[in-house]
Amino acid sequence: MDILEQSYQYGKSPLTLGALSVPYRACLYGQPIARSLSPLLHSILFRSNGASWTFQLAETTSKDDFLHNLHRSNSIGGSITMPNKVTFQPLLDDLTEEARAIGAINTAFIRLGPGGQRRYIGTNTDCVGIRDTILQNEPGVRDQSHGQPALVVGGGGAARSAVYALWKWFRPSEIYIANRLKSEVDALISYFQAAIPGIHLRYLDTVERATRLPPPYLIIGTIPDYPPRDIGEVICWNVCDAILTGLKKGILVDMCYMPSPYTRLFKTARNNGWKTISGREVLVRVCTAQQLLWIERPPTQQGIEEALSAIEGISWEPKL
């Protein structure tokens, strides 16, 4: 079942005939978000479907502000980013399976209850963006990844979306976790063992362990592109480097795209023969999934390609 069909489990569509010409809007709720690419991407994707809708930034962590904006009559939904992905969950009327399993939301959409009342549903399209990015680049990847280990680099919210996406849609034998803090990994493993019984997760805490185990086929990076400094960061990088420079190659998706998508992890993988996929493509696919829930039809392929092209040349590298 795709995410649009699944969304109708929570109620009927709120859209009426001619809805594309109604000045609906969606907002991004988070802080700081001034550099977000979401307004650019959603404007392109809305336009590709002929919708005269807008996407705006709402820089806030206030629950009251979120509810006030989301419940306005011209609101069609919302995008939720840090630090609101967990704290805004209780404000919604229901959560999808993905949101409950991951423990965080990034999207709110609207469906109508039996009496026609608006219901606000929280979901997580980060995992869908990861899935769709991999499948668009490697259509046969599900057969290749089935029964092989996978690796997630990181232990935060994005790592949880990556773990869920890998386990649900790519059927790995187990998922390795490389991260600077054991405490974060312990919390992640405990959470998913309760949320998804039967999931197999393993912490790669040393290079020796990483090289002794069967190598992963799919790798998803979720950490910022900063040079490793403390001992935990150095070990995490050395684990990744040992895997990427090994004999077996696979697919690496690095979700980091600021200040550049060409991170150290990305370049090391590419230079050692791995298939590499940029985090900017994941971002476009995440936005595409959000649009599907709001506008209830997929953006056109031309719109997706235009969105990918629009952000390809953007850089936040400091000017000297």
C-alpha atoms as a PDB file:
ATOM      1  CA  MET A   1       0.000   0.000   0.000  1.00  0.00           C
ATOM      2  CA  ASP A   2       1.469   3.381  -0.967  1.00  0.00           C
ATOM      3  CA  ILE A   3       1.437   6.339   1.374  1.00  0.00           C
ATOM      4  CA  LEU A   4      -1.465   8.112  -0.374  1.00  0.00           C
ATOM      5  CA  GLU A   5      -3.742   5.075  -0.259  1.00  0.00           C
ATOM      6  CA  GLN A   6      -2.691   4.496   3.330  1.00  0.00           C
ATOM      7  CA  SER A   7      -3.579   8.095   4.219  1.00  0.00           C
ATOM      8  CA  TYR A   8      -7.264   7.519   3.474  1.00  0.00           C
ATOM      9  CA  GLN A   9      -7.408   5.148   6.434  1.00  0.00           C
ATOM     10  CA  TYR A  10      -7.474   8.318   8.533  1.00  0.00           C
ATOM     11  CA  GLY A  11     -10.371   9.978   6.695  1.00  0.00           C
ATOM     12  CA  LYS A  12     -11.566  11.389   3.404  1.00  0.00           C
ATOM     13  CA  SER A  13      -9.821  13.908   1.214  1.00  0.00           C
ATOM     14  CA  PRO A  14     -10.293  17.567   2.242  1.00  0.00           C
ATOM     15  CA  LEU A  15      -9.879  18.732  -1.371  1.00  0.00           C
ATOM     16  CA  THR A  16     -12.842  19.944  -3.382  1.00  0.00           C
ATOM     17  CA  LEU A  17     -13.325  20.575  -7.085  1.00  0.00           C
ATOM     18  CA  GLY A  18     -11.089  23.455  -8.102  1.00  0.00           C
ATOM     19  CA  ALA A  19      -8.832  23.065  -5.047  1.00  0.00           C
ATOM     20  CA  LEU A  20      -5.706  23.642  -7.135  1.00  0.00           C
ATOM     21  CA  SER A  21      -6.739  27.249  -7.730  1.00  0.00           C
ATOM     22  CA  VAL A  22      -7.545  27.904  -4.054  1.00  0.00           C
ATOM     23  CA  PRO A  23      -4.660  29.777  -2.324  1.00  0.00           C
ATOM     24  CA  TYR A  24      -3.819  27.002   0.120  1.00  0.00           C
ATOM     25  CA  ARG A  25      -0.511  27.050   1.942  1.00  0.00           C
ATOM     26  CA  ALA A  26       1.784  24.764   3.870  1.00  0.00           C
ATOM     27  CA  CYS A  27       4.502  25.815   6.309  1.00  0.00           C
ATOM     28  CA  LEU A  28       7.807  24.496   7.595  1.00  0.00           C
ATOM     29  CA  TYR A  29       8.006  24.575  11.403  1.00  0.00           C
ATOM     30  CA  GLY A  30      11.449  24.516  12.981  1.00  0.00           C
ATOM     31  CA  GLN A  31      14.414  26.561  14.177  1.00  0.00           C
ATOM     32  CA  PRO A  32      16.722  27.645  12.619  1.00  0.00           C
ATOM     33  CA  ILE A  33      15.303  27.262   9.111  1.00  0.00           C
ATOM     34  CA  ALA A  34      16.313  30.424   7.219  1.00  0.00           C
ATOM     35  CA  ARG A  35      18.502  28.402   4.840  1.00  0.00           C
ATOM     36  CA  SER A  36      15.958  25.674   4.199  1.00  0.00           C
ATOM     37  CA  LEU A  37      15.562  24.526   0.606  1.00  0.00           C
ATOM     38  CA  SER A  38      11.962  23.475   1.209  1.00  0.00           C
ATOM     39  CA  PRO A  39      10.276  26.684  -0.066  1.00  0.00           C
ATOM     40  CA  LEU A  40      12.173  26.439  -3.368  1.00  0.00           C
ATOM     41  CA  LEU A  41      11.447  22.740  -3.828  1.00  0.00           C
ATOM     42  CA  HIS A  42       7.789  22.849  -2.846  1.00  0.00           C
ATOM     43  CA  SER A  43       7.145  25.871  -5.064  1.00  0.00           C
ATOM     44  CA  ILE A  44       8.526  23.950  -8.035  1.00  0.00           C
ATOM     45  CA  LEU A  45       6.560  20.808  -7.195  1.00  0.00           C
ATOM     46  CA  PHE A  46       3.299  22.692  -6.592  1.00  0.00           C
ATOM     47  CA  ARG A  47       3.716  24.448  -9.922  1.00  0.00           C
ATOM     48  CA  SER A  48       4.357  21.156 -11.703  1.00  0.00           C
ATOM     49  CA  ASN A  49       0.846  20.072 -10.719  1.00  0.00           C
ATOM     50  CA  GLY A  50      -0.756  23.393 -11.641  1.00  0.00           C
ATOM     51  CA  ALA A  51      -1.469  24.304  -8.005  1.00  0.00           C
ATOM     52  CA  SER A  52      -1.442  27.966  -6.995  1.00  0.00           C
ATOM     53  CA  TRP A  53      -0.389  26.988  -3.483  1.00  0.00           C
ATOM     54  CA  THR A  54       2.446  28.467  -1.429  1.00  0.00           C
ATOM     55  CA  PHE A  55       4.998  27.137   1.012  1.00  0.00           C
ATOM     56  CA  GLN A  56       6.256  29.389   3.802  1.00  0.00           C
ATOM     57  CA  LEU A  57       8.731  29.292   6.663  1.00  0.00           C
ATOM     58  CA  ALA A  58       7.390  29.428  10.228  1.00  0.00           C
ATOM     59  CA  GLU A  59      10.481  29.710  12.398  1.00  0.00           C
ATOM     60  CA  THR A  60       9.128  28.577  15.736  1.00  0.00           C
ATOM     61  CA  THR A  61       9.262  25.932  18.425  1.00  0.00           C
ATOM     62  CA  SER A  62       5.964  27.103  19.934  1.00  0.00           C
ATOM     63  CA  LYS A  63       3.218  24.498  20.093  1.00  0.00           C
ATOM     64  CA  ASP A  64       0.596  27.240  20.141  1.00  0.00           C
ATOM     65  CA  ASP A  65       2.008  28.843  16.992  1.00  0.00           C
ATOM     66  CA  PHE A  66       2.053  25.468  15.255  1.00  0.00           C
ATOM     67  CA  LEU A  67      -1.561  24.703  16.124  1.00  0.00           C
ATOM     68  CA  HIS A  68      -2.742  28.201  15.211  1.00  0.00           C
ATOM     69  CA  ASN A  69      -1.134  28.050  11.760  1.00  0.00           C
ATOM     70  CA  LEU A  70      -2.002  24.430  11.012  1.00  0.00           C
ATOM     71  CA  HIS A  71      -5.681  24.955  11.908  1.00  0.00           C
ATOM     72  CA  ARG A  72      -6.142  28.010   9.695  1.00  0.00           C
ATOM     73  CA  SER A  73      -8.744  27.509   6.979  1.00  0.00           C
ATOM     74  CA  ASN A  74      -6.201  27.971   4.182  1.00  0.00           C
ATOM     75  CA  SER A  75      -3.724  25.449   5.639  1.00  0.00           C
ATOM     76  CA  ILE A  76      -3.270  22.205   3.705  1.00  0.00           C
ATOM     77  CA  GLY A  77      -0.632  20.683   5.973  1.00  0.00           C
ATOM     78  CA  GLY A  78       2.824  21.235   7.361  1.00  0.00           C
ATOM     79  CA  SER A  79       6.436  20.146   7.343  1.00  0.00           C
ATOM     80  CA  ILE A  80       8.091  19.672  10.740  1.00  0.00           C
ATOM     81  CA  THR A  81      11.825  19.789  11.312  1.00  0.00           C
ATOM     82  CA  MET A  82      14.184  20.011  14.280  1.00  0.00           C
ATOM     83  CA  PRO A  83      13.690  20.543  17.138  1.00  0.00           C
ATOM     84  CA  ASN A  84       9.951  19.866  16.748  1.00  0.00           C
ATOM     85  CA  LYS A  85       9.861  16.348  15.312  1.00  0.00           C
ATOM     86  CA  VAL A  86       9.147  14.723  18.667  1.00  0.00           C
ATOM     87  CA  THR A  87       7.551  17.519  20.689  1.00  0.00           C
ATOM     88  CA  PHE A  88       4.818  18.267  18.113  1.00  0.00           C
ATOM     89  CA  GLN A  89       3.635  14.643  17.866  1.00  0.00           C
ATOM     90  CA  PRO A  90       1.055  14.839  20.707  1.00  0.00           C
ATOM     91  CA  LEU A  91      -0.591  17.866  19.052  1.00  0.00           C
ATOM     92  CA  LEU A  92      -1.910  15.786  16.155  1.00  0.00           C
ATOM     93  CA  ASP A  93      -5.047  13.684  16.048  1.00  0.00           C
ATOM     94  CA  ASP A  94      -3.323  10.506  14.890  1.00  0.00           C
ATOM     95  CA  LEU A  95       0.021   9.123  13.726  1.00  0.00           C
ATOM     96  CA  THR A  96       0.825   6.762  10.872  1.00  0.00           C
ATOM     97  CA  GLU A  97       2.661   3.473  11.262  1.00  0.00           C
ATOM     98  CA  GLU A  98       5.909   5.106  10.088  1.00  0.00           C
ATOM     99  CA  ALA A  99       5.648   7.920  12.625  1.00  0.00           C
ATOM    100  CA  ARG A 100       4.915   5.548  15.491  1.00  0.00           C
ATOM    101  CA  ALA A 101       7.737   3.163  14.583  1.00  0.00           C
ATOM    102  CA  ILE A 102      10.341   5.909  14.100  1.00  0.00           C
ATOM    103  CA  GLY A 103       9.159   8.000  17.039  1.00  0.00           C
ATOM    104  CA  ALA A 104       9.256  11.299  15.134  1.00  0.00           C
ATOM    105  CA  ILE A 105       7.225  13.189  12.543  1.00  0.00           C
ATOM    106  CA  ASN A 106       8.237  15.432   9.673  1.00  0.00           C
ATOM    107  CA  THR A 107       4.846  15.920   7.999  1.00  0.00           C
ATOM    108  CA  ALA A 108       1.286  16.824   8.946  1.00  0.00           C
ATOM    109  CA  PHE A 109      -1.557  16.256   6.502  1.00  0.00           C
ATOM    110  CA  ILE A 110      -5.322  16.700   6.720  1.00  0.00           C
ATOM    111  CA  ARG A 111      -8.143  14.203   6.259  1.00  0.00           C
ATOM    112  CA  LEU A 112     -11.845  14.557   7.047  1.00  0.00           C
ATOM    113  CA  GLY A 113     -13.538  12.496   9.751  1.00  0.00           C
ATOM    114  CA  PRO A 114     -17.036  10.937   9.460  1.00  0.00           C
ATOM    115  CA  GLY A 115     -18.714  14.210  10.382  1.00  0.00           C
ATOM    116  CA  GLY A 116     -16.585  16.244   7.966  1.00  0.00           C
ATOM    117  CA  GLN A 117     -14.316  17.586  10.707  1.00  0.00           C
ATOM    118  CA  ARG A 118     -10.664  18.189   9.828  1.00  0.00           C
ATOM    119  CA  ARG A 119      -8.276  15.631  11.313  1.00  0.00           C
ATOM    120  CA  TYR A 120      -4.558  16.395  11.502  1.00  0.00           C
ATOM    121  CA  ILE A 121      -2.362  13.356  10.912  1.00  0.00           C
ATOM    122  CA  GLY A 122       1.369  13.093  11.577  1.00  0.00           C
ATOM    123  CA  THR A 123       3.680  10.933   9.495  1.00  0.00           C
ATOM    124  CA  ASN A 124       7.330  10.576   8.588  1.00  0.00           C
ATOM    125  CA  THR A 125       8.277  10.856   4.926  1.00  0.00           C
ATOM    126  CA  ASP A 126      12.038  10.866   5.611  1.00  0.00           C
ATOM    127  CA  CYS A 127      11.955   7.072   5.426  1.00  0.00           C
ATOM    128  CA  VAL A 128       9.926   7.198   2.198  1.00  0.00           C
ATOM    129  CA  GLY A 129      12.412   9.647   0.698  1.00  0.00           C
ATOM    130  CA  ILE A 130      15.268   7.267   1.522  1.00  0.00           C
ATOM    131  CA  ARG A 131      13.403   4.318   0.015  1.00  0.00           C
ATOM    132  CA  ASP A 132      12.380   6.102  -3.172  1.00  0.00           C
ATOM    133  CA  THR A 133      15.836   7.585  -3.724  1.00  0.00           C
ATOM    134  CA  ILE A 134      17.468   4.166  -3.597  1.00  0.00           C
ATOM    135  CA  LEU A 135      14.820   2.510  -5.775  1.00  0.00           C
ATOM    136  CA  GLN A 136      14.947   5.262  -8.409  1.00  0.00           C
ATOM    137  CA  ASN A 137      18.713   4.881  -8.728  1.00  0.00           C
ATOM    138  CA  GLU A 138      18.906   1.077  -8.416  1.00  0.00           C
ATOM    139  CA  PRO A 139      15.583  -0.577  -9.362  1.00  0.00           C
ATOM    140  CA  GLY A 140      16.877  -4.103  -8.588  1.00  0.00           C
ATOM    141  CA  VAL A 141      18.323  -3.210  -5.199  1.00  0.00           C
ATOM    142  CA  ARG A 142      15.727  -5.088  -3.162  1.00  0.00           C
ATOM    143  CA  ASP A 143      16.893  -8.423  -4.528  1.00  0.00           C
ATOM    144  CA  GLN A 144      20.546  -7.448  -4.078  1.00  0.00           C
ATOM    145  CA  SER A 145      20.117  -6.235  -0.502  1.00  0.00           C
ATOM    146  CA  HIS A 146      17.908  -9.068   0.728  1.00  0.00           C
ATOM    147  CA  GLY A 147      19.730 -11.138   3.323  1.00  0.00           C
ATOM    148  CA  GLN A 148      22.835  -8.949   3.398  1.00  0.00           C
ATOM    149  CA  PRO A 149      23.838  -6.610   6.241  1.00  0.00           C
ATOM    150  CA  ALA A 150      23.252  -2.851   5.959  1.00  0.00           C
ATOM    151  CA  LEU A 151      24.917   0.027   7.793  1.00  0.00           C
ATOM    152  CA  VAL A 152      23.586   3.282   9.242  1.00  0.00           C
ATOM    153  CA  VAL A 153      26.122   5.940  10.215  1.00  0.00           C
ATOM    154  CA  GLY A 154      24.763   8.037  13.085  1.00  0.00           C
ATOM    155  CA  GLY A 155      22.427   7.656  16.035  1.00  0.00           C
ATOM    156  CA  GLY A 156      20.004  10.597  15.875  1.00  0.00           C
ATOM    157  CA  GLY A 157      16.588  11.186  14.320  1.00  0.00           C
ATOM    158  CA  ALA A 158      17.706  10.755  10.716  1.00  0.00           C
ATOM    159  CA  ALA A 159      19.397   7.498  11.678  1.00  0.00           C
ATOM    160  CA  ARG A 160      16.086   6.210  13.028  1.00  0.00           C
ATOM    161  CA  SER A 161      14.375   6.966   9.721  1.00  0.00           C
ATOM    162  CA  ALA A 162      17.201   5.165   7.923  1.00  0.00           C
ATOM    163  CA  VAL A 163      16.932   2.097  10.166  1.00  0.00           C
ATOM    164  CA  TYR A 164      13.179   1.907   9.600  1.00  0.00           C
ATOM    165  CA  ALA A 165      13.485   2.303   5.826  1.00  0.00           C
ATOM    166  CA  LEU A 166      16.167  -0.354   5.536  1.00  0.00           C
ATOM    167  CA  TRP A 167      14.424  -2.919   7.709  1.00  0.00           C
ATOM    168  CA  LYS A 168      10.931  -2.427   6.247  1.00  0.00           C
ATOM    169  CA  TRP A 169      11.712  -2.241   2.545  1.00  0.00           C
ATOM    170  CA  PHE A 170      15.150  -3.761   1.863  1.00  0.00           C
ATOM    171  CA  ARG A 171      15.126  -6.854   4.122  1.00  0.00           C
ATOM    172  CA  PRO A 172      18.737  -6.888   5.357  1.00  0.00           C
ATOM    173  CA  SER A 173      19.978  -9.719   7.558  1.00  0.00           C
ATOM    174  CA  GLU A 174      20.862  -7.117  10.174  1.00  0.00           C
ATOM    175  CA  ILE A 175      21.678  -3.428  10.414  1.00  0.00           C
ATOM    176  CA  TYR A 176      25.032  -2.250  11.737  1.00  0.00           C
ATOM    177  CA  ILE A 177      25.243   1.104  13.511  1.00  0.00           C
ATOM    178  CA  ALA A 178      28.416   3.234  13.467  1.00  0.00           C
ATOM    179  CA  ASN A 179      28.268   6.257  15.741  1.00  0.00           C
ATOM    180  CA  ARG A 180      30.473   8.326  18.020  1.00  0.00           C
ATOM    181  CA  LEU A 181      28.386   7.772  21.162  1.00  0.00           C
ATOM    182  CA  LYS A 182      27.573   4.324  22.504  1.00  0.00           C
ATOM    183  CA  SER A 183      24.787   5.823  24.619  1.00  0.00           C
ATOM    184  CA  GLU A 184      22.951   7.016  21.509  1.00  0.00           C
ATOM    185  CA  VAL A 185      23.284   3.610  19.891  1.00  0.00           C
ATOM    186  CA  ASP A 186      22.073   1.849  23.047  1.00  0.00           C
ATOM    187  CA  ALA A 187      19.002   4.112  23.099  1.00  0.00           C
ATOM    188  CA  LEU A 188      18.341   3.536  19.383  1.00  0.00           C
ATOM    189  CA  ILE A 189      18.644  -0.243  19.698  1.00  0.00           C
ATOM    190  CA  SER A 190      16.429  -0.375  22.792  1.00  0.00           C
ATOM    191  CA  TYR A 191      13.819   1.779  21.084  1.00  0.00           C
ATOM    192  CA  PHE A 192      13.602  -0.316  17.919  1.00  0.00           C
ATOM    193  CA  GLN A 193      13.667  -3.652  19.714  1.00  0.00           C
ATOM    194  CA  ALA A 194      10.477  -2.486  21.443  1.00  0.00           C
ATOM    195  CA  ALA A 195       8.951  -0.795  18.363  1.00  0.00           C
ATOM    196  CA  ILE A 196       9.801  -3.510  15.808  1.00  0.00           C
ATOM    197  CA  PRO A 197      10.100  -6.937  17.445  1.00  0.00           C
ATOM    198  CA  GLY A 198      12.565  -9.172  15.609  1.00  0.00           C
ATOM    199  CA  ILE A 199      14.738  -6.376  14.230  1.00  0.00           C
ATOM    200  CA  HIS A 200      18.477  -7.146  14.280  1.00  0.00           C
ATOM    201  CA  LEU A 201      20.790  -4.248  15.118  1.00  0.00           C
ATOM    202  CA  ARG A 202      24.494  -4.328  15.989  1.00  0.00           C
ATOM    203  CA  TYR A 203      26.875  -1.594  17.133  1.00  0.00           C
ATOM    204  CA  LEU A 204      30.190  -1.422  15.249  1.00  0.00           C
ATOM    205  CA  ASP A 205      32.383  -0.051  18.012  1.00  0.00           C
ATOM    206  CA  THR A 206      35.789  -1.072  16.615  1.00  0.00           C
ATOM    207  CA  VAL A 207      37.495  -1.441  13.255  1.00  0.00           C
ATOM    208  CA  GLU A 208      38.316  -5.035  14.171  1.00  0.00           C
ATOM    209  CA  ARG A 209      34.641  -5.874  14.569  1.00  0.00           C
ATOM    210  CA  ALA A 210      33.733  -4.034  11.369  1.00  0.00           C
ATOM    211  CA  THR A 211      36.256  -5.985   9.302  1.00  0.00           C
ATOM    212  CA  ARG A 212      35.480  -9.346  10.925  1.00  0.00           C
ATOM    213  CA  LEU A 213      31.750  -9.255  10.113  1.00  0.00           C
ATOM    214  CA  PRO A 214      30.180  -9.699   6.645  1.00  0.00           C
ATOM    215  CA  PRO A 215      30.360  -6.290   4.890  1.00  0.00           C
ATOM    216  CA  PRO A 216      27.197  -4.253   4.325  1.00  0.00           C
ATOM    217  CA  TYR A 217      25.651  -3.773   0.892  1.00  0.00           C
ATOM    218  CA  LEU A 218      23.575  -0.662   1.673  1.00  0.00           C
ATOM    219  CA  ILE A 219      25.007   2.227   3.719  1.00  0.00           C
ATOM    220  CA  ILE A 220      23.107   5.343   4.791  1.00  0.00           C
ATOM    221  CA  GLY A 221      25.059   8.244   6.291  1.00  0.00           C
ATOM    222  CA  THR A 222      23.159  10.626   8.565  1.00  0.00           C
ATOM    223  CA  ILE A 223      25.861  12.674  10.317  1.00  0.00           C
ATOM    224  CA  PRO A 224      27.154  16.207   9.623  1.00  0.00           C
ATOM    225  CA  ASP A 225      30.284  16.516   7.510  1.00  0.00           C
ATOM    226  CA  TYR A 226      32.658  17.715  10.208  1.00  0.00           C
ATOM    227  CA  PRO A 227      36.257  16.480  10.595  1.00  0.00           C
ATOM    228  CA  PRO A 228      36.409  13.828  13.352  1.00  0.00           C
ATOM    229  CA  ARG A 229      37.842  15.268  16.562  1.00  0.00           C
ATOM    230  CA  ASP A 230      37.070  13.278  19.701  1.00  0.00           C
ATOM    231  CA  ILE A 231      37.888   9.599  20.092  1.00  0.00           C
ATOM    232  CA  GLY A 232      34.329   8.458  19.345  1.00  0.00           C
ATOM    233  CA  GLU A 233      34.242  10.410  16.082  1.00  0.00           C
ATOM    234  CA  VAL A 234      37.644   9.057  15.052  1.00  0.00           C
ATOM    235  CA  ILE A 235      36.598   5.463  15.702  1.00  0.00           C
ATOM    236  CA  CYS A 236      33.329   5.988  13.814  1.00  0.00           C
ATOM    237  CA  TRP A 237      35.200   7.356  10.813  1.00  0.00           C
ATOM    238  CA  ASN A 238      37.806   4.583  10.905  1.00  0.00           C
ATOM    239  CA  VAL A 239      35.020   1.986  10.920  1.00  0.00           C
ATOM    240  CA  CYS A 240      33.422   3.602   7.867  1.00  0.00           C
ATOM    241  CA  ASP A 241      36.763   3.952   6.098  1.00  0.00           C
ATOM    242  CA  ALA A 242      37.611   0.291   6.697  1.00  0.00           C
ATOM    243  CA  ILE A 243      34.308  -0.800   5.170  1.00  0.00           C
ATOM    244  CA  LEU A 244      34.451   1.570   2.195  1.00  0.00           C
ATOM    245  CA  THR A 245      38.014   0.615   1.283  1.00  0.00           C
ATOM    246  CA  GLY A 246      37.305  -3.105   1.563  1.00  0.00           C
ATOM    247  CA  LEU A 247      36.923  -5.488  -1.350  1.00  0.00           C
ATOM    248  CA  LYS A 248      33.128  -5.639  -1.439  1.00  0.00           C
ATOM    249  CA  LYS A 249      31.231  -2.673  -2.895  1.00  0.00           C
ATOM    250  CA  GLY A 250      27.615  -1.604  -2.671  1.00  0.00           C
ATOM    251  CA  ILE A 251      25.463   1.516  -2.474  1.00  0.00           C
ATOM    252  CA  LEU A 252      25.967   4.528  -0.200  1.00  0.00           C
ATOM    253  CA  VAL A 253      23.399   7.260   0.411  1.00  0.00           C
ATOM    254  CA  ASP A 254      24.668  10.241   2.387  1.00  0.00           C
ATOM    255  CA  MET A 255      21.779  12.333   3.717  1.00  0.00           C
ATOM    256  CA  CYS A 256      24.077  15.239   4.595  1.00  0.00           C
ATOM    257  CA  TYR A 257      23.874  17.966   1.948  1.00  0.00           C
ATOM    258  CA  MET A 258      24.998  21.159   3.739  1.00  0.00           C
ATOM    259  CA  PRO A 259      27.265  22.937   3.156  1.00  0.00           C
ATOM    260  CA  SER A 260      27.931  20.516   0.282  1.00  0.00           C
ATOM    261  CA  PRO A 261      26.514  17.104  -0.663  1.00  0.00           C
ATOM    262  CA  TYR A 262      30.026  15.942  -1.551  1.00  0.00           C
ATOM    263  CA  THR A 263      30.993  14.959   1.966  1.00  0.00           C
ATOM    264  CA  ARG A 264      34.076  13.100   3.067  1.00  0.00           C
ATOM    265  CA  LEU A 265      31.969   9.958   3.408  1.00  0.00           C
ATOM    266  CA  PHE A 266      30.471  10.451  -0.074  1.00  0.00           C
ATOM    267  CA  LYS A 267      33.846  11.058  -1.744  1.00  0.00           C
ATOM    268  CA  THR A 268      35.546   8.154   0.021  1.00  0.00           C
ATOM    269  CA  ALA A 269      32.792   5.802  -1.134  1.00  0.00           C
ATOM    270  CA  ARG A 270      32.812   7.104  -4.702  1.00  0.00           C
ATOM    271  CA  ASN A 271      36.605   6.977  -4.956  1.00  0.00           C
ATOM    272  CA  ASN A 272      36.563   3.346  -3.821  1.00  0.00           C
ATOM    273  CA  GLY A 273      34.031   2.102  -6.335  1.00  0.00           C
ATOM    274  CA  TRP A 274      30.749   2.410  -4.430  1.00  0.00           C
ATOM    275  CA  LYS A 275      27.550   3.605  -6.079  1.00  0.00           C
ATOM    276  CA  THR A 276      26.936   6.975  -4.380  1.00  0.00           C
ATOM    277  CA  ILE A 277      23.705   8.938  -4.015  1.00  0.00           C
ATOM    278  CA  SER A 278      23.540  12.543  -2.800  1.00  0.00           C
ATOM    279  CA  GLY A 279      21.506  13.753   0.153  1.00  0.00           C
ATOM    280  CA  ARG A 280      19.987  16.477  -2.007  1.00  0.00           C
ATOM    281  CA  GLU A 281      18.169  13.820  -3.987  1.00  0.00           C
ATOM    282  CA  VAL A 282      16.809  12.374  -0.736  1.00  0.00           C
ATOM    283  CA  LEU A 283      15.527  15.835   0.175  1.00  0.00           C
ATOM    284  CA  VAL A 284      13.657  16.134  -3.130  1.00  0.00           C
ATOM    285  CA  ARG A 285      12.098  12.689  -2.650  1.00  0.00           C
ATOM    286  CA  VAL A 286      11.053  13.589   0.906  1.00  0.00           C
ATOM    287  CA  CYS A 287       9.328  16.721  -0.421  1.00  0.00           C
ATOM    288  CA  THR A 288       7.733  14.691  -3.213  1.00  0.00           C
ATOM    289  CA  ALA A 289       6.201  12.336  -0.642  1.00  0.00           C
ATOM    290  CA  GLN A 290       4.886  15.297   1.353  1.00  0.00           C
ATOM    291  CA  GLN A 291       3.306  16.757  -1.769  1.00  0.00           C
ATOM    292  CA  LEU A 292       1.600  13.454  -2.494  1.00  0.00           C
ATOM    293  CA  LEU A 293      -0.155  13.631   0.870  1.00  0.00           C
ATOM    294  CA  TRP A 294      -1.151  17.291   0.487  1.00  0.00           C
ATOM    295  CA  ILE A 295      -2.109  17.573  -3.168  1.00  0.00           C
ATOM    296  CA  GLU A 296      -3.096  13.895  -3.486  1.00  0.00           C
ATOM    297  CA  ARG A 297      -1.341  13.320  -6.767  1.00  0.00           C
ATOM    298  CA  PRO A 298       2.350  12.836  -7.512  1.00  0.00           C
ATOM    299  CA  PRO A 299       4.402  15.719  -8.879  1.00  0.00           C
ATOM    300  CA  THR A 300       5.243  15.312 -12.534  1.00  0.00           C
ATOM    301  CA  GLN A 301       8.560  13.754 -13.483  1.00  0.00           C
ATOM    302  CA  GLN A 302       9.445  17.059 -15.110  1.00  0.00           C
ATOM    303  CA  GLY A 303       8.776  18.813 -11.801  1.00  0.00           C
ATOM    304  CA  ILE A 304      10.992  16.379  -9.902  1.00  0.00           C
ATOM    305  CA  GLU A 305      13.797  16.824 -12.421  1.00  0.00           C
ATOM    306  CA  GLU A 306      13.424  20.605 -12.218  1.00  0.00           C
ATOM    307  CA  ALA A 307      13.636  20.439  -8.415  1.00  0.00           C
ATOM    308  CA  LEU A 308      16.772  18.293  -8.586  1.00  0.00           C
ATOM    309  CA  SER A 309      18.374  20.697 -11.068  1.00  0.00           C
ATOM    310  CA  ALA A 310      17.402  23.759  -9.009  1.00  0.00           C
ATOM    311  CA  ILE A 311      19.398  22.677  -5.968  1.00  0.00           C
ATOM    312  CA  GLU A 312      22.311  20.970  -7.686  1.00  0.00           C
ATOM    313  CA  GLY A 313      24.401  24.118  -7.930  1.00  0.00           C
ATOM    314  CA  ILE A 314      23.512  25.632  -4.554  1.00  0.00           C
ATOM    315  CA  SER A 315      26.341  25.846  -2.035  1.00  0.00           C
ATOM    316  CA  TRP A 316      26.743  27.344   1.402  1.00  0.00           C
ATOM    317  CA  GLU A 317      30.518  27.263   1.306  1.00  0.00           C
ATOM    318  CA  PRO A 318      31.882  30.460   2.863  1.00  0.00           C
ATOM    319  CA  LYS A 319      33.214  33.018   0.410  1.00  0.00           C
ATOM    320  CA  LEU A 320      36.841  33.938   0.966  1.00  0.00           C
END
